[in-house]
Amino acid sequence: MSLAVIGPNANSPKTLIGNYAGPPCKFITPLQALQSYVKSTMYHPGCDAVACSSPSIEKAVEIAQKADYVVLVMGLDQTQEREAHDRLDLVLPGKQQQLIICVANAAKKPVVLVLLSGGPVDISFAKYSNNIGSILWAGYPGGAGGAAIAETIFGDHNPGGRLPVTWYPQDFTKIPMTDMRMRPESNSGYPGRTYRFYTGEKVFEFGYGLSYSTYSYETIPVTRNKLYFNQSSTAHVYENTDSIRYTSVAELGKELCDSNNISISIRVRNDGEMAGKHSVLLFVRRLKASAGSPIKQLVAFQSVHLNGGESADVGFLLNPCEHFSGPNKDGLMVIEEGTHFLVVGDQEHPVTVVV
């Protein structure tokens, strides 16, 4: 078997550690780690630097055509993003995209695309390409990051990461950075920010991530599906401009809040053959919410390690005054009456709040 490793980040030790790290005792670059798996490995940086103003596309294509498999190690580095130096674009710098497309088209089999970056990148072209078989985002993985990348590519490690941010398309750069409103505004076309409010197109969603295993969920019924906050002698009931009744968390008091705690358990099954670590994300969303409320809100998460075919129950304890509440127009935390859904994957469980 022969392997071609191509890209400006394939053999760049400094890129691995970002800009908030001390010097590691030892660097293991992706190229070095991949060479330990495949002795017949050819390498070319493909670009003069990460900025990729002068790509060597012909040479990169030439070695890609010779190899049985191709790994492209692309992305960003500290010349593109660092403290006090922001990017102007969300696409890959220079002619990296052109290099990736040409190499992927020339390769014998779909290529592996590895991205090193701190922030999101619009790689829509790669997401929908039949010539790119897999995409591995590694962040800035540290001095031994190359070994982790190679172990993942060759199946010695089962990936289970989740994206910590929304990956926006290039068009998102048209929104002024001086406008940091979270909530969308339909009149102006402003799409909002973050997974909680953003209504525009996404390259990848917050929390997205694939594994060599597949996981399925089964919701075990919650301890209660109706919460009553209308028994407080100190809390008042209000009605907002959307005709939704609500009460103030501060007026409810800790005792009443704690007495309405609910538990939910999720049975997680590893449907694959390979052992893996899986993060269970628990969101809350409203059936009918006030204007300006989040689309959904991450309220808890847990990781569980499962062997192939194994199942386990993951439990969450929720305090509705903390996890079902949100700020009103005056910035006060309130709980709105109505149906709240606990969401894990494609599983939803309704909980009704009465104020």
Foldseek 3Di string as FASTA:
>chain_A
DEEEEEAQQQPDQQQLAADPDDDDPAADGLNNQLCVVPVRYHYDRQAPHQLRQDGPQVVLLVVQLVGQAYEYEHEDGVVADDVVHHHLFQARHHCPVVSVVSSLVSHPAQYEYEYEAQDAHAPLVLVPDRSHDYYHYCHSNDRHSSNVVNCCVVVVAKDADWAQWFHAHRVVSVDDPVDQAQAADVVVRRQGGTQFHGDDDTSDHGGDDDTPWDKDKDKDDKPAQEAEQPPAPQWDWDADPVRWIKIFLVRSDDVSQVVRKMKIKMKMWGQAQAKHKYKWWKKKAFPDDDPPGTRIGTDDMDIDIDHHGDIDMDMDIDRCQPRQWDQDPVGTIMHTFAWMWIDTPPDTDIHGYHD
